[in-house]
Amino acid sequence: MKALITGGVGFIGSHLADELLKSGHKVAVLDNLSTSRLENVAHLEKNQDFELVIGTVLNETLVDKLAERCDVIFHLAAAVGVELIVKRPLESLTTNIKGSEVVLEMAHRYHKKVLITSTSEIYGKNTNGPLKEGDDRILGSPLKTRWSYSTAKAVDEMLAYVYWKEKGVPSVIVRLFNTVGPRQTGYYGMVVPRFIGQALKNEPITVYGTGKQSRCFTHVKDVVKALIKLVEEPKAVGEVFNIGNQDEITIDDLAKKIIKITKSRSAIKHIPYEQAYEEGFEDMQRRVPDTSKINKLIGFKPHHSLEGIIEDIVGYISNKNL
């Protein structure tokens, strides 16, 4: 098949392109390079089954041309990262909502299957867990920019679902829980690459808040294989799936684990949320996915441990610095 990946030069998109090409498919990626780096796909430039298009999902004419030529669309383009969302909320809302609307309309126009990537941010401050796909969303005030990303992705999900129900667009929605791995940067608040970068330089590891908040981390290679399987599975159409790992760890313990693995001399430094982001910033204290739905449908189960993920990222960063 010929796949179009929006945001395909980014961290997850570039790994998805790798996996699709390895499986014998053709790939076109669309990216405006606002938060991604061309080095992520430099190794694919000479592959005749790979096409790189520099542009934005907000360009309807461009997306129209690309959608017409593909068989399936993986819509990954989005403004992501807590730091970016807090600093540039308007960009987040515009890119995430309008971009998805453009992609879904073109999928409808040319009768293409589309996979929409959403986020665990959907659940907001719901500290229950593991979180099921039908669980309630608990959000703060709409005047807090912290919640603009969650709100935008909720609209994306609603658009995808309505396009399926009313117009018959075969759409699949996935909610990603803290996907990590090589090529991810810590520039926009991504905690694992930021901690590892600090540890390798023996700098203080900056933990925002108390460090007692917990997360689950999944290797990007496990994630992209699940994305492809879901697109290939007819029963996934019209459904939403959590994709993540259920091994939970506090952010303090994550920092300690990274210090141990890297043999770093770094100390842990706690920074109040108000200093790191904005006054009145609200964070999720716990975020654990229930993955029984995706496991039942396609047999999804993460194969990479957190230790293995950290070692992969350490190796990637170390090789870049050689």
Protein backbone atom coordinates (compact mmCIF):
# COMPACT_ATOMS: atom_id res chain seq x y z
CA MET A 1 0.00 0.00 0.00
CA LYS A 2 0.94 3.66 -0.29
CA ALA A 3 0.80 5.40 3.06
CA LEU A 4 0.69 9.12 3.77
CA ILE A 5 2.10 10.12 7.17
CA THR A 6 1.36 13.67 8.30
CA GLY A 7 4.03 14.80 10.73
CA GLY A 8 6.16 12.05 9.20
CA VAL A 9 9.52 13.66 9.90
CA GLY A 10 8.80 13.75 13.62
CA PHE A 11 9.83 11.28 16.30
CA ILE A 12 6.97 8.79 15.93
CA GLY A 13 6.30 9.51 12.26
CA SER A 14 9.85 8.73 11.19
CA HIS A 15 9.81 5.39 13.02
CA LEU A 16 6.45 4.60 11.42
CA ALA A 17 7.96 5.35 8.01
CA ASP A 18 10.84 2.98 8.80
CA GLU A 19 8.49 0.15 9.75
CA LEU A 20 6.19 0.62 6.74
CA LEU A 21 9.10 0.67 4.28
CA LYS A 22 10.64 -2.39 5.95
CA SER A 23 7.33 -4.17 5.36
CA GLY A 24 7.39 -3.37 1.64
CA HIS A 25 4.98 -0.43 1.55
CA LYS A 26 5.45 2.95 -0.11
CA VAL A 27 5.50 6.05 2.08
CA ALA A 28 4.97 9.78 1.58
CA VAL A 29 5.55 12.03 4.57
CA LEU A 30 4.23 15.56 5.02
CA ASP A 31 5.86 17.80 7.61
CA ASN A 32 6.37 21.53 8.13
CA LEU A 33 9.51 20.88 10.23
CA SER A 34 8.28 23.18 13.02
CA THR A 35 9.16 20.67 15.77
CA SER A 36 10.92 17.93 13.78
CA ARG A 37 14.36 17.45 12.26
CA LEU A 38 15.28 16.32 8.77
CA GLU A 39 17.97 14.08 10.24
CA ASN A 40 15.17 11.75 11.39
CA VAL A 41 14.53 10.69 7.79
CA ALA A 42 17.94 11.40 6.22
CA HIS A 43 18.62 7.66 6.01
CA LEU A 44 15.51 7.24 3.82
CA GLU A 45 16.30 9.86 1.19
CA LYS A 46 17.69 7.36 -1.33
CA ASN A 47 14.85 4.88 -0.90
CA GLN A 48 12.76 4.96 -4.07
CA ASP A 49 9.63 4.06 -2.09
CA PHE A 50 9.99 7.14 0.14
CA GLU A 51 8.77 10.66 -0.65
CA LEU A 52 9.35 13.73 1.50
CA VAL A 53 7.01 16.70 1.16
CA ILE A 54 7.69 19.89 3.12
CA GLY A 55 4.40 21.60 3.95
CA THR A 56 1.58 21.90 6.44
CA VAL A 57 -1.66 19.99 6.97
CA LEU A 58 -3.35 23.39 6.93
CA ASN A 59 -2.62 23.60 3.19
CA GLU A 60 -5.79 22.04 1.80
CA THR A 61 -4.55 21.96 -1.80
CA LEU A 62 -1.41 20.08 -0.84
CA VAL A 63 -3.20 17.60 1.41
CA ASP A 64 -5.76 17.05 -1.37
CA LYS A 65 -3.05 16.02 -3.85
CA LEU A 66 -1.32 13.71 -1.37
CA ALA A 67 -4.54 12.08 -0.15
CA GLU A 68 -5.64 11.30 -3.68
CA ARG A 69 -2.43 9.36 -4.32
CA CYS A 70 -2.37 7.27 -1.13
CA ASP A 71 -4.27 4.25 0.19
CA VAL A 72 -4.22 5.12 3.88
CA ILE A 73 -3.46 8.21 5.97
CA PHE A 74 -1.68 8.12 9.31
CA HIS A 75 -2.46 11.54 10.81
CA LEU A 76 0.30 12.29 13.31
CA ALA A 77 0.86 16.01 12.62
CA ALA A 78 0.16 17.99 15.79
CA ALA A 79 1.54 20.59 18.15
CA VAL A 80 2.70 18.44 21.09
CA GLY A 81 4.60 18.69 24.36
CA VAL A 82 3.42 20.42 27.53
CA GLU A 83 5.98 23.22 27.22
CA LEU A 84 4.97 24.03 23.64
CA ILE A 85 1.26 23.89 24.46
CA VAL A 86 1.61 26.27 27.39
CA LYS A 87 3.76 28.76 25.47
CA ARG A 88 1.89 28.64 22.13
CA PRO A 89 -1.70 27.54 22.83
CA LEU A 90 -3.19 29.21 19.73
CA GLU A 91 -0.84 27.26 17.47
CA SER A 92 -1.85 24.07 19.27
CA LEU A 93 -5.56 24.68 18.81
CA THR A 94 -5.27 25.73 15.16
CA THR A 95 -2.88 23.00 14.06
CA ASN A 96 -4.60 20.20 15.91
CA ILE A 97 -8.23 21.00 15.14
CA LYS A 98 -8.05 22.58 11.67
CA GLY A 99 -5.34 20.15 10.53
CA SER A 100 -7.44 17.13 11.47
CA GLU A 101 -10.49 18.64 9.79
CA VAL A 102 -8.54 19.05 6.54
CA VAL A 103 -7.18 15.49 6.67
CA LEU A 104 -10.58 13.96 7.41
CA GLU A 105 -12.28 15.92 4.65
CA MET A 106 -9.71 14.72 2.11
CA ALA A 107 -10.05 11.15 3.38
CA HIS A 108 -13.78 11.50 2.76
CA ARG A 109 -13.28 13.03 -0.69
CA TYR A 110 -11.09 10.16 -1.89
CA HIS A 111 -12.54 7.31 0.22
CA LYS A 112 -9.34 6.64 2.20
CA LYS A 113 -8.86 4.96 5.55
CA VAL A 114 -7.40 7.30 8.19
CA LEU A 115 -5.78 6.70 11.57
CA ILE A 116 -5.98 9.65 13.97
CA THR A 117 -3.42 9.81 16.78
CA SER A 118 -4.87 11.21 19.99
CA THR A 119 -3.40 11.29 23.47
CA SER A 120 -3.67 10.14 27.08
CA GLU A 121 -4.13 13.85 27.85
CA ILE A 122 -7.75 13.18 26.88
CA TYR A 123 -8.39 11.80 30.38
CA GLY A 124 -7.17 14.98 32.06
CA LYS A 125 -7.08 14.82 35.85
CA ASN A 126 -8.83 11.46 36.07
CA THR A 127 -6.53 9.60 38.49
CA ASN A 128 -8.44 6.33 38.32
CA GLY A 129 -6.73 3.52 36.60
CA PRO A 130 -5.95 1.71 34.60
CA LEU A 131 -7.96 4.04 32.34
CA LYS A 132 -10.40 2.49 29.88
CA GLU A 133 -11.32 4.09 26.56
CA GLY A 134 -14.82 4.93 27.79
CA ASP A 135 -13.75 6.55 31.06
CA ASP A 136 -14.70 10.14 31.89
CA ARG A 137 -12.57 13.16 31.12
CA ILE A 138 -11.82 15.45 34.07
CA LEU A 139 -10.38 18.80 33.01
CA GLY A 140 -9.61 22.14 34.61
CA SER A 141 -10.81 25.56 33.55
CA PRO A 142 -10.77 26.34 29.80
CA LEU A 143 -8.94 29.54 30.77
CA LYS A 144 -5.91 27.44 31.74
CA THR A 145 -3.84 26.93 28.59
CA ARG A 146 -2.69 23.61 30.06
CA TRP A 147 -5.94 22.04 28.86
CA SER A 148 -5.92 23.40 25.29
CA TYR A 149 -4.15 20.32 23.94
CA SER A 150 -6.52 17.88 25.61
CA THR A 151 -9.49 19.87 24.34
CA ALA A 152 -8.12 20.07 20.80
CA LYS A 153 -7.47 16.32 20.63
CA ALA A 154 -10.96 15.63 21.99
CA VAL A 155 -12.35 17.64 19.08
CA ASP A 156 -10.12 15.61 16.73
CA GLU A 157 -11.61 12.39 18.11
CA MET A 158 -15.13 13.74 17.76
CA LEU A 159 -14.47 14.79 14.17
CA ALA A 160 -13.08 11.36 13.29
CA TYR A 161 -16.02 9.60 14.90
CA VAL A 162 -18.60 11.83 13.23
CA TYR A 163 -16.91 11.48 9.82
CA TRP A 164 -17.22 7.72 10.32
CA LYS A 165 -20.82 7.75 11.52
CA GLU A 166 -22.21 10.35 9.10
CA LYS A 167 -19.98 10.11 6.03
CA GLY A 168 -18.62 6.59 6.25
CA VAL A 169 -14.95 7.57 6.47
CA PRO A 170 -13.15 4.48 7.82
CA SER A 171 -11.33 6.03 10.77
CA VAL A 172 -9.38 4.56 13.66
CA ILE A 173 -8.49 6.57 16.78
CA VAL A 174 -5.53 5.79 19.04
CA ARG A 175 -4.62 7.38 22.36
CA LEU A 176 -0.87 7.27 22.94
CA PHE A 177 0.49 7.06 26.48
CA ASN A 178 4.01 8.53 26.81
CA THR A 179 5.70 7.10 23.73
CA VAL A 180 9.49 7.36 23.99
CA GLY A 181 12.63 6.23 22.19
CA PRO A 182 15.50 7.35 19.94
CA ARG A 183 14.97 10.62 17.97
CA GLN A 184 12.70 12.14 20.59
CA THR A 185 13.90 15.50 21.88
CA GLY A 186 13.45 17.04 25.30
CA TYR A 187 12.93 20.53 23.89
CA TYR A 188 9.18 20.67 24.50
CA GLY A 189 8.92 19.03 27.91
CA MET A 190 9.38 15.35 26.97
CA VAL A 191 10.67 14.00 30.25
CA VAL A 192 12.74 10.91 29.34
CA PRO A 193 15.09 12.45 26.73
CA ARG A 194 15.40 15.57 28.88
CA PHE A 195 16.41 13.56 31.95
CA ILE A 196 18.85 11.43 29.95
CA GLY A 197 20.43 14.49 28.34
CA GLN A 198 20.95 16.06 31.76
CA ALA A 199 22.31 12.82 33.25
CA LEU A 200 24.85 12.33 30.47
CA LYS A 201 26.16 15.84 31.14
CA ASN A 202 26.13 15.29 34.92
CA GLU A 203 23.78 18.26 35.22
CA PRO A 204 20.98 18.47 37.82
CA ILE A 205 17.96 16.45 36.71
CA THR A 206 15.07 18.88 36.89
CA VAL A 207 11.89 17.23 38.17
CA TYR A 208 8.80 19.42 37.91
CA GLY A 209 6.46 19.28 40.88
CA THR A 210 6.86 16.78 43.71
CA GLY A 211 8.09 13.92 41.54
CA LYS A 212 5.42 11.66 43.02
CA GLN A 213 3.30 11.82 39.85
CA SER A 214 3.45 8.53 37.93
CA ARG A 215 3.59 7.64 34.24
CA CYS A 216 3.99 4.59 31.97
CA PHE A 217 6.45 4.63 29.08
CA THR A 218 6.24 2.67 25.80
CA HIS A 219 8.96 2.17 23.20
CA VAL A 220 8.15 3.84 19.88
CA LYS A 221 8.86 0.60 18.00
CA ASP A 222 6.10 -1.18 19.92
CA VAL A 223 3.75 1.71 19.14
CA VAL A 224 4.31 1.94 15.38
CA LYS A 225 3.80 -1.80 14.92
CA ALA A 226 0.46 -1.44 16.69
CA LEU A 227 -0.54 1.48 14.45
CA ILE A 228 0.06 -0.60 11.33
CA LYS A 229 -1.81 -3.61 12.69
CA LEU A 230 -4.80 -1.45 13.56
CA VAL A 231 -4.95 0.00 10.05
CA GLU A 232 -4.84 -3.52 8.62
CA GLU A 233 -7.61 -4.77 10.95
CA PRO A 234 -11.15 -4.10 9.60
CA LYS A 235 -12.70 -4.43 13.07
CA ALA A 236 -10.70 -1.41 14.30
CA VAL A 237 -12.69 1.02 12.15
CA GLY A 238 -14.89 3.38 14.15
CA GLU A 239 -13.13 2.47 17.41
CA VAL A 240 -10.71 4.13 19.82
CA PHE A 241 -7.76 2.32 21.42
CA ASN A 242 -5.30 3.06 24.20
CA ILE A 243 -1.70 2.26 23.27
CA GLY A 244 0.75 2.14 26.13
CA ASN A 245 2.63 0.22 28.75
CA GLN A 246 1.11 -0.67 32.11
CA ASP A 247 4.40 -0.62 34.05
CA GLU A 248 3.97 2.44 36.28
CA ILE A 249 6.81 4.54 37.73
CA THR A 250 6.99 7.86 39.57
CA ILE A 251 8.96 10.67 37.98
CA ASP A 252 11.36 10.70 40.95
CA ASP A 253 12.05 6.98 40.49
CA LEU A 254 12.47 7.51 36.75
CA ALA A 255 15.17 10.09 37.45
CA LYS A 256 16.90 7.71 39.88
CA LYS A 257 16.76 4.87 37.36
CA ILE A 258 18.30 7.04 34.65
CA ILE A 259 21.07 8.18 37.00
CA LYS A 260 21.85 4.55 37.81
CA ILE A 261 21.84 3.32 34.19
CA THR A 262 23.98 6.22 32.92
CA LYS A 263 26.29 6.10 35.98
CA SER A 264 25.70 9.84 36.26
CA ARG A 265 26.82 12.17 39.03
CA SER A 266 23.64 14.20 38.60
CA ALA A 267 21.52 15.23 41.56
CA ILE A 268 17.73 15.54 41.43
CA LYS A 269 16.41 19.10 41.60
CA HIS A 270 12.69 19.77 42.13
CA ILE A 271 11.19 22.80 40.41
CA PRO A 272 7.66 24.08 41.15
CA TYR A 273 5.22 23.83 38.26
CA GLU A 274 4.63 27.58 38.41
CA GLN A 275 8.31 28.17 37.74
CA ALA A 276 8.58 25.53 35.01
CA TYR A 277 5.38 26.39 33.13
CA GLU A 278 2.86 28.98 34.34
CA GLU A 279 0.99 30.18 37.41
CA GLY A 280 -1.74 27.73 38.42
CA PHE A 281 -0.42 24.89 36.22
CA GLU A 282 -2.26 21.60 36.82
CA ASP A 283 -0.75 18.19 36.17
CA MET A 284 -2.05 14.62 36.14
CA GLN A 285 -0.89 12.72 39.21
CA ARG A 286 -1.36 9.31 37.62
CA ARG A 287 -1.74 8.09 34.04
CA VAL A 288 -1.98 4.33 33.47
CA PRO A 289 -3.71 2.79 30.42
CA ASP A 290 -6.01 -0.18 30.26
CA THR A 291 -4.83 -1.93 27.08
CA SER A 292 -7.15 -4.93 27.18
CA LYS A 293 -9.16 -3.69 24.18
CA ILE A 294 -6.21 -3.45 21.79
CA ASN A 295 -4.72 -6.64 23.20
CA LYS A 296 -7.93 -8.54 22.47
CA LEU A 297 -8.17 -7.23 18.90
CA ILE A 298 -4.57 -7.41 17.63
CA GLY A 299 -2.66 -9.07 20.47
CA PHE A 300 -0.81 -5.88 21.41
CA LYS A 301 1.74 -6.24 24.17
CA PRO A 302 4.82 -4.02 24.68
CA HIS A 303 8.09 -5.92 24.29
CA HIS A 304 10.56 -3.28 25.51
CA SER A 305 11.27 -2.74 29.21
CA LEU A 306 11.87 0.75 30.62
CA GLU A 307 15.51 -0.16 31.20
CA GLY A 308 15.84 -1.20 27.56
CA ILE A 309 14.17 2.01 26.40
CA ILE A 310 16.56 4.13 28.45
CA GLU A 311 19.57 2.22 27.12
CA ASP A 312 18.33 2.70 23.53
CA ILE A 313 18.02 6.46 24.02
CA VAL A 314 21.39 6.68 25.77
CA GLY A 315 23.00 4.86 22.84
CA TYR A 316 21.30 7.14 20.34
CA ILE A 317 22.36 10.34 22.09
CA SER A 318 25.90 9.05 22.65
CA ASN A 319 26.33 8.12 18.97
CA LYS A 320 25.08 11.56 17.91
CA ASN A 321 27.69 13.21 20.10
CA LEU A 322 30.60 11.16 18.76
